[in-house]
Amino acid sequence: MNAVVLICAEAEWRAVRDLFPNSLCEHSPFGEYTPARVEAREVVLFHSGWGKIAAAAATQYIADQFHPDLLINLGTCGGVRGRIEPGTVILVEKTIVYDIVEQMGDPQEAIAYYTTSLDLTWLPRLLPIPVLRGLLVSGDRDLSTQDLPMLIEKYNAVAADWESGAIAWVARRNGIRLLMLRGVTDLVDGEGGEAYGDYELFSQRTREIMRRLFASLPAWLNRIEKVQRGYHV
């Protein structure tokens, strides 16, 4: 199985490099990438950089250069206080790019165009780690206290990130299977965000999330391969 693991934010990539200190990195137009051994399997670790522009461009670059059977996006997200707990891992089933402002036509049609539902029927029945399956709203911004009521009422949102909507949209158009796992590092409510103005808190929790996700990666790959071979797992 030809798998590429896409990492977006700088803090996420630093945490990954710490997990693979002997990796020899090459450079793409977006950032570093390197082959890495995940137990008995070799994957490519690819750093896109943050935000939907870099994420979309890097996903297309990966499709063109590596032709993966599977794209895995491991990363972080911010959660809505009272609707999700820190440390929760979201298995993303749907992404909505919510920060599109259309004032000449139908704004809902514009939002719908970039909404992506992920086909996850190829995943094993028994997943390697506990996850919350669901929606991730995505925009080129941290969660805003002013946006929270709208995101909850309109989309029933529990968490948000910067890149997932772009990655999912491009992967679907290239026909690439996508496994997207995002761990909640911090919470936001009407009073603000617990990590806003505290980058060290975000970095520390990012390291914890990335360690957990990569610790589970061999089991994900193993079970996905067994499903491909026709085993019921």
C-alpha atoms as a PDB file:
ATOM      1  CA  MET A   1       0.000   0.000   0.000  1.00  0.00           C
ATOM      2  CA  ASN A   2       1.382   3.360  -1.049  1.00  0.00           C
ATOM      3  CA  ALA A   3       0.524   5.740   1.816  1.00  0.00           C
ATOM      4  CA  VAL A   4       1.384   9.393   2.359  1.00  0.00           C
ATOM      5  CA  VAL A   5       0.898  11.039   5.762  1.00  0.00           C
ATOM      6  CA  LEU A   6       0.126  14.734   5.377  1.00  0.00           C
ATOM      7  CA  ILE A   7       0.994  17.065   8.256  1.00  0.00           C
ATOM      8  CA  CYS A   8      -0.003  20.727   8.086  1.00  0.00           C
ATOM      9  CA  ALA A   9       0.823  23.086  10.959  1.00  0.00           C
ATOM     10  CA  GLU A  10       4.399  23.922  11.927  1.00  0.00           C
ATOM     11  CA  ALA A  11       3.883  22.742  15.511  1.00  0.00           C
ATOM     12  CA  GLU A  12       2.516  19.436  14.237  1.00  0.00           C
ATOM     13  CA  TRP A  13       5.481  18.931  11.914  1.00  0.00           C
ATOM     14  CA  ARG A  14       7.997  19.702  14.664  1.00  0.00           C
ATOM     15  CA  ALA A  15       6.342  17.052  16.822  1.00  0.00           C
ATOM     16  CA  VAL A  16       6.572  14.547  13.967  1.00  0.00           C
ATOM     17  CA  ARG A  17      10.242  15.316  13.308  1.00  0.00           C
ATOM     18  CA  ASP A  18      10.923  14.593  16.978  1.00  0.00           C
ATOM     19  CA  LEU A  19       9.340  11.160  16.478  1.00  0.00           C
ATOM     20  CA  PHE A  20      11.580  10.447  13.473  1.00  0.00           C
ATOM     21  CA  PRO A  21      14.857  12.169  14.394  1.00  0.00           C
ATOM     22  CA  ASN A  22      16.993  10.232  11.899  1.00  0.00           C
ATOM     23  CA  SER A  23      14.836  10.902   8.860  1.00  0.00           C
ATOM     24  CA  LEU A  24      16.525  12.547   5.880  1.00  0.00           C
ATOM     25  CA  CYS A  25      14.258  15.242   4.520  1.00  0.00           C
ATOM     26  CA  GLU A  26      13.884  16.445   0.971  1.00  0.00           C
ATOM     27  CA  HIS A  27      12.089  19.623  -0.051  1.00  0.00           C
ATOM     28  CA  SER A  28       8.931  20.283  -2.025  1.00  0.00           C
ATOM     29  CA  PRO A  29       7.565  23.736  -2.953  1.00  0.00           C
ATOM     30  CA  PHE A  30       5.641  23.621   0.346  1.00  0.00           C
ATOM     31  CA  GLY A  31       7.944  22.135   2.945  1.00  0.00           C
ATOM     32  CA  GLU A  32       9.908  19.060   3.909  1.00  0.00           C
ATOM     33  CA  TYR A  33       9.038  15.460   3.182  1.00  0.00           C
ATOM     34  CA  THR A  34      10.739  12.199   4.049  1.00  0.00           C
ATOM     35  CA  PRO A  35      10.285   8.444   3.818  1.00  0.00           C
ATOM     36  CA  ALA A  36       9.792   6.868   7.231  1.00  0.00           C
ATOM     37  CA  ARG A  37       9.406   3.380   8.622  1.00  0.00           C
ATOM     38  CA  VAL A  38       6.195   2.754  10.542  1.00  0.00           C
ATOM     39  CA  GLU A  39       6.963  -0.668  11.979  1.00  0.00           C
ATOM     40  CA  ALA A  40       7.337  -2.847   8.872  1.00  0.00           C
ATOM     41  CA  ARG A  41       5.879  -0.342   6.423  1.00  0.00           C
ATOM     42  CA  GLU A  42       7.398   2.592   4.629  1.00  0.00           C
ATOM     43  CA  VAL A  43       5.302   5.719   4.264  1.00  0.00           C
ATOM     44  CA  VAL A  44       6.030   9.257   3.127  1.00  0.00           C
ATOM     45  CA  LEU A  45       5.691  12.029   5.708  1.00  0.00           C
ATOM     46  CA  PHE A  46       4.827  15.297   3.978  1.00  0.00           C
ATOM     47  CA  HIS A  47       4.639  18.779   5.479  1.00  0.00           C
ATOM     48  CA  SER A  48       2.287  21.150   3.656  1.00  0.00           C
ATOM     49  CA  GLY A  49       2.343  24.210   5.873  1.00  0.00           C
ATOM     50  CA  TRP A  50      -0.719  25.781   7.459  1.00  0.00           C
ATOM     51  CA  GLY A  51      -3.922  27.084   5.911  1.00  0.00           C
ATOM     52  CA  LYS A  52      -6.224  26.002   3.116  1.00  0.00           C
ATOM     53  CA  ILE A  53      -4.097  27.398   0.245  1.00  0.00           C
ATOM     54  CA  ALA A  54      -0.991  25.403   1.185  1.00  0.00           C
ATOM     55  CA  ALA A  55      -3.084  22.350   2.090  1.00  0.00           C
ATOM     56  CA  ALA A  56      -4.947  22.294  -1.230  1.00  0.00           C
ATOM     57  CA  ALA A  57      -1.805  22.822  -3.303  1.00  0.00           C
ATOM     58  CA  ALA A  58       0.171  20.222  -1.347  1.00  0.00           C
ATOM     59  CA  THR A  59      -2.613  17.644  -1.669  1.00  0.00           C
ATOM     60  CA  GLN A  60      -2.585  18.056  -5.453  1.00  0.00           C
ATOM     61  CA  TYR A  61       1.224  17.871  -5.467  1.00  0.00           C
ATOM     62  CA  ILE A  62       1.070  14.610  -3.491  1.00  0.00           C
ATOM     63  CA  ALA A  63      -1.503  13.208  -5.928  1.00  0.00           C
ATOM     64  CA  ASP A  64       0.655  14.094  -8.929  1.00  0.00           C
ATOM     65  CA  GLN A  65       4.065  13.123  -7.534  1.00  0.00           C
ATOM     66  CA  PHE A  66       3.367  10.137  -5.254  1.00  0.00           C
ATOM     67  CA  HIS A  67       0.115   8.655  -6.620  1.00  0.00           C
ATOM     68  CA  PRO A  68      -0.897   7.353  -3.175  1.00  0.00           C
ATOM     69  CA  ASP A  69      -3.411   4.583  -2.584  1.00  0.00           C
ATOM     70  CA  LEU A  70      -4.127   6.226   0.754  1.00  0.00           C
ATOM     71  CA  LEU A  71      -3.700   9.773   2.052  1.00  0.00           C
ATOM     72  CA  ILE A  72      -3.653  10.119   5.824  1.00  0.00           C
ATOM     73  CA  ASN A  73      -4.003  13.542   7.424  1.00  0.00           C
ATOM     74  CA  LEU A  74      -2.981  13.548  11.079  1.00  0.00           C
ATOM     75  CA  GLY A  75      -3.302  16.776  13.009  1.00  0.00           C
ATOM     76  CA  THR A  76      -5.062  18.954  15.522  1.00  0.00           C
ATOM     77  CA  CYS A  77      -8.176  21.072  15.835  1.00  0.00           C
ATOM     78  CA  GLY A  78      -9.865  23.426  18.268  1.00  0.00           C
ATOM     79  CA  GLY A  79     -13.020  22.372  20.071  1.00  0.00           C
ATOM     80  CA  VAL A  80     -16.178  24.110  21.250  1.00  0.00           C
ATOM     81  CA  ARG A  81     -16.303  24.093  25.047  1.00  0.00           C
ATOM     82  CA  GLY A  82     -19.216  22.059  26.351  1.00  0.00           C
ATOM     83  CA  ARG A  83     -19.574  20.107  23.104  1.00  0.00           C
ATOM     84  CA  ILE A  84     -16.309  18.138  23.046  1.00  0.00           C
ATOM     85  CA  GLU A  85     -13.422  17.352  25.396  1.00  0.00           C
ATOM     86  CA  PRO A  86      -9.697  18.069  24.925  1.00  0.00           C
ATOM     87  CA  GLY A  87      -7.841  15.049  23.618  1.00  0.00           C
ATOM     88  CA  THR A  88     -10.823  13.711  21.673  1.00  0.00           C
ATOM     89  CA  VAL A  89      -9.796  12.343  18.277  1.00  0.00           C
ATOM     90  CA  ILE A  90     -12.230  13.097  15.470  1.00  0.00           C
ATOM     91  CA  LEU A  91     -12.479  10.670  12.573  1.00  0.00           C
ATOM     92  CA  VAL A  92     -13.639  13.173   9.983  1.00  0.00           C
ATOM     93  CA  GLU A  93     -16.630  12.059   7.932  1.00  0.00           C
ATOM     94  CA  LYS A  94     -17.520  15.458   6.482  1.00  0.00           C
ATOM     95  CA  THR A  95     -15.884  18.864   6.083  1.00  0.00           C
ATOM     96  CA  ILE A  96     -17.526  22.254   5.619  1.00  0.00           C
ATOM     97  CA  VAL A  97     -15.540  25.343   4.592  1.00  0.00           C
ATOM     98  CA  TYR A  98     -17.534  27.913   6.539  1.00  0.00           C
ATOM     99  CA  ASP A  99     -15.595  31.125   5.898  1.00  0.00           C
ATOM    100  CA  ILE A 100     -16.914  31.696   2.351  1.00  0.00           C
ATOM    101  CA  VAL A 101     -18.817  34.974   1.984  1.00  0.00           C
ATOM    102  CA  GLU A 102     -20.950  35.098  -1.191  1.00  0.00           C
ATOM    103  CA  GLN A 103     -22.942  38.313  -1.682  1.00  0.00           C
ATOM    104  CA  MET A 104     -23.784  38.154  -5.412  1.00  0.00           C
ATOM    105  CA  GLY A 105     -25.430  34.745  -5.532  1.00  0.00           C
ATOM    106  CA  ASP A 106     -26.679  32.017  -3.207  1.00  0.00           C
ATOM    107  CA  PRO A 107     -24.318  31.782  -0.207  1.00  0.00           C
ATOM    108  CA  GLN A 108     -25.541  28.273   0.643  1.00  0.00           C
ATOM    109  CA  GLU A 109     -24.746  27.093  -2.870  1.00  0.00           C
ATOM    110  CA  ALA A 110     -21.181  28.387  -2.441  1.00  0.00           C
ATOM    111  CA  ILE A 111     -20.798  26.613   0.900  1.00  0.00           C
ATOM    112  CA  ALA A 112     -22.256  23.405  -0.539  1.00  0.00           C
ATOM    113  CA  TYR A 113     -19.787  23.454  -3.448  1.00  0.00           C
ATOM    114  CA  TYR A 114     -16.836  23.075  -1.082  1.00  0.00           C
ATOM    115  CA  THR A 115     -18.545  20.705   1.349  1.00  0.00           C
ATOM    116  CA  THR A 116     -17.050  17.222   1.178  1.00  0.00           C
ATOM    117  CA  SER A 117     -18.425  13.939   2.492  1.00  0.00           C
ATOM    118  CA  LEU A 118     -15.715  11.305   2.908  1.00  0.00           C
ATOM    119  CA  ASP A 119     -16.332   7.737   1.771  1.00  0.00           C
ATOM    120  CA  LEU A 120     -15.085   5.640   4.699  1.00  0.00           C
ATOM    121  CA  THR A 121     -16.752   2.356   3.760  1.00  0.00           C
ATOM    122  CA  TRP A 122     -13.281   0.843   3.227  1.00  0.00           C
ATOM    123  CA  LEU A 123     -12.313   1.243   6.896  1.00  0.00           C
ATOM    124  CA  PRO A 124     -12.348  -1.766   9.243  1.00  0.00           C
ATOM    125  CA  ARG A 125     -15.376  -2.274  11.467  1.00  0.00           C
ATOM    126  CA  LEU A 126     -13.228  -2.257  14.602  1.00  0.00           C
ATOM    127  CA  LEU A 127     -11.108   0.875  14.746  1.00  0.00           C
ATOM    128  CA  PRO A 128      -7.719   0.878  16.498  1.00  0.00           C
ATOM    129  CA  ILE A 129      -8.494   3.746  18.890  1.00  0.00           C
ATOM    130  CA  PRO A 130     -11.613   5.425  20.270  1.00  0.00           C
ATOM    131  CA  VAL A 131     -12.743   8.202  17.935  1.00  0.00           C
ATOM    132  CA  LEU A 132     -15.647  10.558  17.497  1.00  0.00           C
ATOM    133  CA  ARG A 133     -16.935  10.174  13.956  1.00  0.00           C
ATOM    134  CA  GLY A 134     -18.352  13.375  12.545  1.00  0.00           C
ATOM    135  CA  LEU A 135     -18.081  16.803  11.023  1.00  0.00           C
ATOM    136  CA  LEU A 136     -15.184  19.241  11.074  1.00  0.00           C
ATOM    137  CA  VAL A 137     -15.798  22.840  10.060  1.00  0.00           C
ATOM    138  CA  SER A 138     -12.836  24.461   8.353  1.00  0.00           C
ATOM    139  CA  GLY A 139     -11.740  28.031   7.709  1.00  0.00           C
ATOM    140  CA  ASP A 140      -8.614  30.130   7.379  1.00  0.00           C
ATOM    141  CA  ARG A 141      -8.931  31.357  10.945  1.00  0.00           C
ATOM    142  CA  ASP A 142      -8.996  30.170  14.525  1.00  0.00           C
ATOM    143  CA  LEU A 143     -12.421  29.715  16.036  1.00  0.00           C
ATOM    144  CA  SER A 144     -13.950  33.124  16.695  1.00  0.00           C
ATOM    145  CA  THR A 145     -16.177  33.738  19.692  1.00  0.00           C
ATOM    146  CA  GLN A 146     -18.490  35.714  17.393  1.00  0.00           C
ATOM    147  CA  ASP A 147     -18.814  32.759  14.991  1.00  0.00           C
ATOM    148  CA  LEU A 148     -19.561  30.123  17.622  1.00  0.00           C
ATOM    149  CA  PRO A 149     -23.359  30.627  17.814  1.00  0.00           C
ATOM    150  CA  MET A 150     -23.658  30.436  14.020  1.00  0.00           C
ATOM    151  CA  LEU A 151     -21.419  27.374  13.732  1.00  0.00           C
ATOM    152  CA  ILE A 152     -23.372  25.542  16.412  1.00  0.00           C
ATOM    153  CA  GLU A 153     -26.821  26.496  15.145  1.00  0.00           C
ATOM    154  CA  LYS A 154     -26.125  26.103  11.419  1.00  0.00           C
ATOM    155  CA  TYR A 155     -23.754  23.134  11.351  1.00  0.00           C
ATOM    156  CA  ASN A 156     -23.969  21.588  14.826  1.00  0.00           C
ATOM    157  CA  ALA A 157     -20.204  22.084  14.962  1.00  0.00           C
ATOM    158  CA  VAL A 158     -18.095  20.661  17.780  1.00  0.00           C
ATOM    159  CA  ALA A 159     -14.607  21.474  16.421  1.00  0.00           C
ATOM    160  CA  ALA A 160     -12.810  23.399  13.692  1.00  0.00           C
ATOM    161  CA  ASP A 161      -9.471  23.561  11.911  1.00  0.00           C
ATOM    162  CA  TRP A 162      -7.769  25.408   9.054  1.00  0.00           C
ATOM    163  CA  GLU A 163      -6.978  22.771   6.414  1.00  0.00           C
ATOM    164  CA  SER A 164      -9.329  19.780   6.446  1.00  0.00           C
ATOM    165  CA  GLY A 165     -11.895  21.209   4.021  1.00  0.00           C
ATOM    166  CA  ALA A 166      -9.243  21.898   1.380  1.00  0.00           C
ATOM    167  CA  ILE A 167      -7.549  18.510   1.772  1.00  0.00           C
ATOM    168  CA  ALA A 168     -10.822  16.592   1.586  1.00  0.00           C
ATOM    169  CA  TRP A 169     -12.064  18.523  -1.458  1.00  0.00           C
ATOM    170  CA  VAL A 170      -8.877  17.974  -3.480  1.00  0.00           C
ATOM    171  CA  ALA A 171      -8.492  14.335  -2.426  1.00  0.00           C
ATOM    172  CA  ARG A 172     -12.048  13.544  -3.523  1.00  0.00           C
ATOM    173  CA  ARG A 173     -11.485  15.102  -6.938  1.00  0.00           C
ATOM    174  CA  ASN A 174      -8.400  12.964  -7.405  1.00  0.00           C
ATOM    175  CA  GLY A 175     -10.194   9.813  -6.273  1.00  0.00           C
ATOM    176  CA  ILE A 176      -7.810   9.286  -3.358  1.00  0.00           C
ATOM    177  CA  ARG A 177      -8.972   7.500  -0.220  1.00  0.00           C
ATOM    178  CA  LEU A 178      -8.551   9.837   2.735  1.00  0.00           C
ATOM    179  CA  LEU A 179      -8.222   8.998   6.413  1.00  0.00           C
ATOM    180  CA  MET A 180      -8.400  12.201   8.432  1.00  0.00           C
ATOM    181  CA  LEU A 181      -7.797  12.107  12.186  1.00  0.00           C
ATOM    182  CA  ARG A 182      -7.743  15.356  14.165  1.00  0.00           C
ATOM    183  CA  GLY A 183      -7.185  15.624  17.914  1.00  0.00           C
ATOM    184  CA  VAL A 184      -8.643  18.455  19.995  1.00  0.00           C
ATOM    185  CA  THR A 185      -5.861  20.509  21.592  1.00  0.00           C
ATOM    186  CA  ASP A 186      -7.836  23.381  23.136  1.00  0.00           C
ATOM    187  CA  LEU A 187     -11.338  24.706  23.708  1.00  0.00           C
ATOM    188  CA  VAL A 188     -13.066  27.945  22.764  1.00  0.00           C
ATOM    189  CA  ASP A 189     -16.215  29.519  24.167  1.00  0.00           C
ATOM    190  CA  GLY A 190     -17.899  32.914  24.266  1.00  0.00           C
ATOM    191  CA  GLU A 191     -15.158  34.235  26.545  1.00  0.00           C
ATOM    192  CA  GLY A 192     -12.289  33.250  24.247  1.00  0.00           C
ATOM    193  CA  GLY A 193      -9.883  30.361  23.722  1.00  0.00           C
ATOM    194  CA  GLU A 194      -7.755  28.727  26.382  1.00  0.00           C
ATOM    195  CA  ALA A 195      -4.730  28.602  24.028  1.00  0.00           C
ATOM    196  CA  TYR A 196      -5.226  32.081  22.541  1.00  0.00           C
ATOM    197  CA  GLY A 197      -2.156  34.052  23.536  1.00  0.00           C
ATOM    198  CA  ASP A 198      -0.561  30.874  24.931  1.00  0.00           C
ATOM    199  CA  TYR A 199       1.306  29.222  22.064  1.00  0.00           C
ATOM    200  CA  GLU A 200       3.306  27.045  24.439  1.00  0.00           C
ATOM    201  CA  LEU A 201       0.092  25.405  25.663  1.00  0.00           C
ATOM    202  CA  PHE A 202      -0.924  24.703  22.080  1.00  0.00           C
ATOM    203  CA  SER A 203       2.537  23.324  21.247  1.00  0.00           C
ATOM    204  CA  GLN A 204       2.611  21.055  24.300  1.00  0.00           C
ATOM    205  CA  ARG A 205      -0.821  19.610  23.585  1.00  0.00           C
ATOM    206  CA  THR A 206       0.031  19.276  19.901  1.00  0.00           C
ATOM    207  CA  ARG A 207       3.036  17.126  20.815  1.00  0.00           C
ATOM    208  CA  GLU A 208       0.788  14.918  22.933  1.00  0.00           C
ATOM    209  CA  ILE A 209      -1.832  14.562  20.187  1.00  0.00           C
ATOM    210  CA  MET A 210       0.716  13.793  17.466  1.00  0.00           C
ATOM    211  CA  ARG A 211       2.436  11.169  19.638  1.00  0.00           C
ATOM    212  CA  ARG A 212      -0.900   9.439  20.222  1.00  0.00           C
ATOM    213  CA  LEU A 213      -1.902   9.540  16.561  1.00  0.00           C
ATOM    214  CA  PHE A 214       1.428   8.172  15.355  1.00  0.00           C
ATOM    215  CA  ALA A 215       1.392   5.476  18.033  1.00  0.00           C
ATOM    216  CA  SER A 216      -1.887   4.266  16.538  1.00  0.00           C
ATOM    217  CA  LEU A 217      -0.763   4.532  12.901  1.00  0.00           C
ATOM    218  CA  PRO A 218       0.651   0.977  12.573  1.00  0.00           C
ATOM    219  CA  ALA A 219      -2.658  -0.477  13.736  1.00  0.00           C
ATOM    220  CA  TRP A 220      -4.612   1.679  11.272  1.00  0.00           C
ATOM    221  CA  LEU A 221      -2.382   0.574   8.385  1.00  0.00           C
ATOM    222  CA  ASN A 222      -2.495  -3.070   9.447  1.00  0.00           C
ATOM    223  CA  ARG A 223      -6.279  -3.191   9.666  1.00  0.00           C
ATOM    224  CA  ILE A 224      -6.787  -1.262   6.432  1.00  0.00           C
ATOM    225  CA  GLU A 225      -4.509  -3.707   4.608  1.00  0.00           C
ATOM    226  CA  LYS A 226      -6.426  -6.662   6.049  1.00  0.00           C
ATOM    227  CA  VAL A 227      -9.698  -5.187   4.773  1.00  0.00           C
ATOM    228  CA  GLN A 228      -8.086  -4.803   1.344  1.00  0.00           C
ATOM    229  CA  ARG A 229      -7.169  -8.487   1.392  1.00  0.00           C
ATOM    230  CA  GLY A 230     -10.742  -9.445   2.183  1.00  0.00           C
ATOM    231  CA  TYR A 231     -10.458 -10.105   5.901  1.00  0.00           C
ATOM    232  CA  HIS A 232     -13.316  -8.997   8.155  1.00  0.00           C
ATOM    233  CA  VAL A 233     -11.774  -6.846  10.884  1.00  0.00           C
END
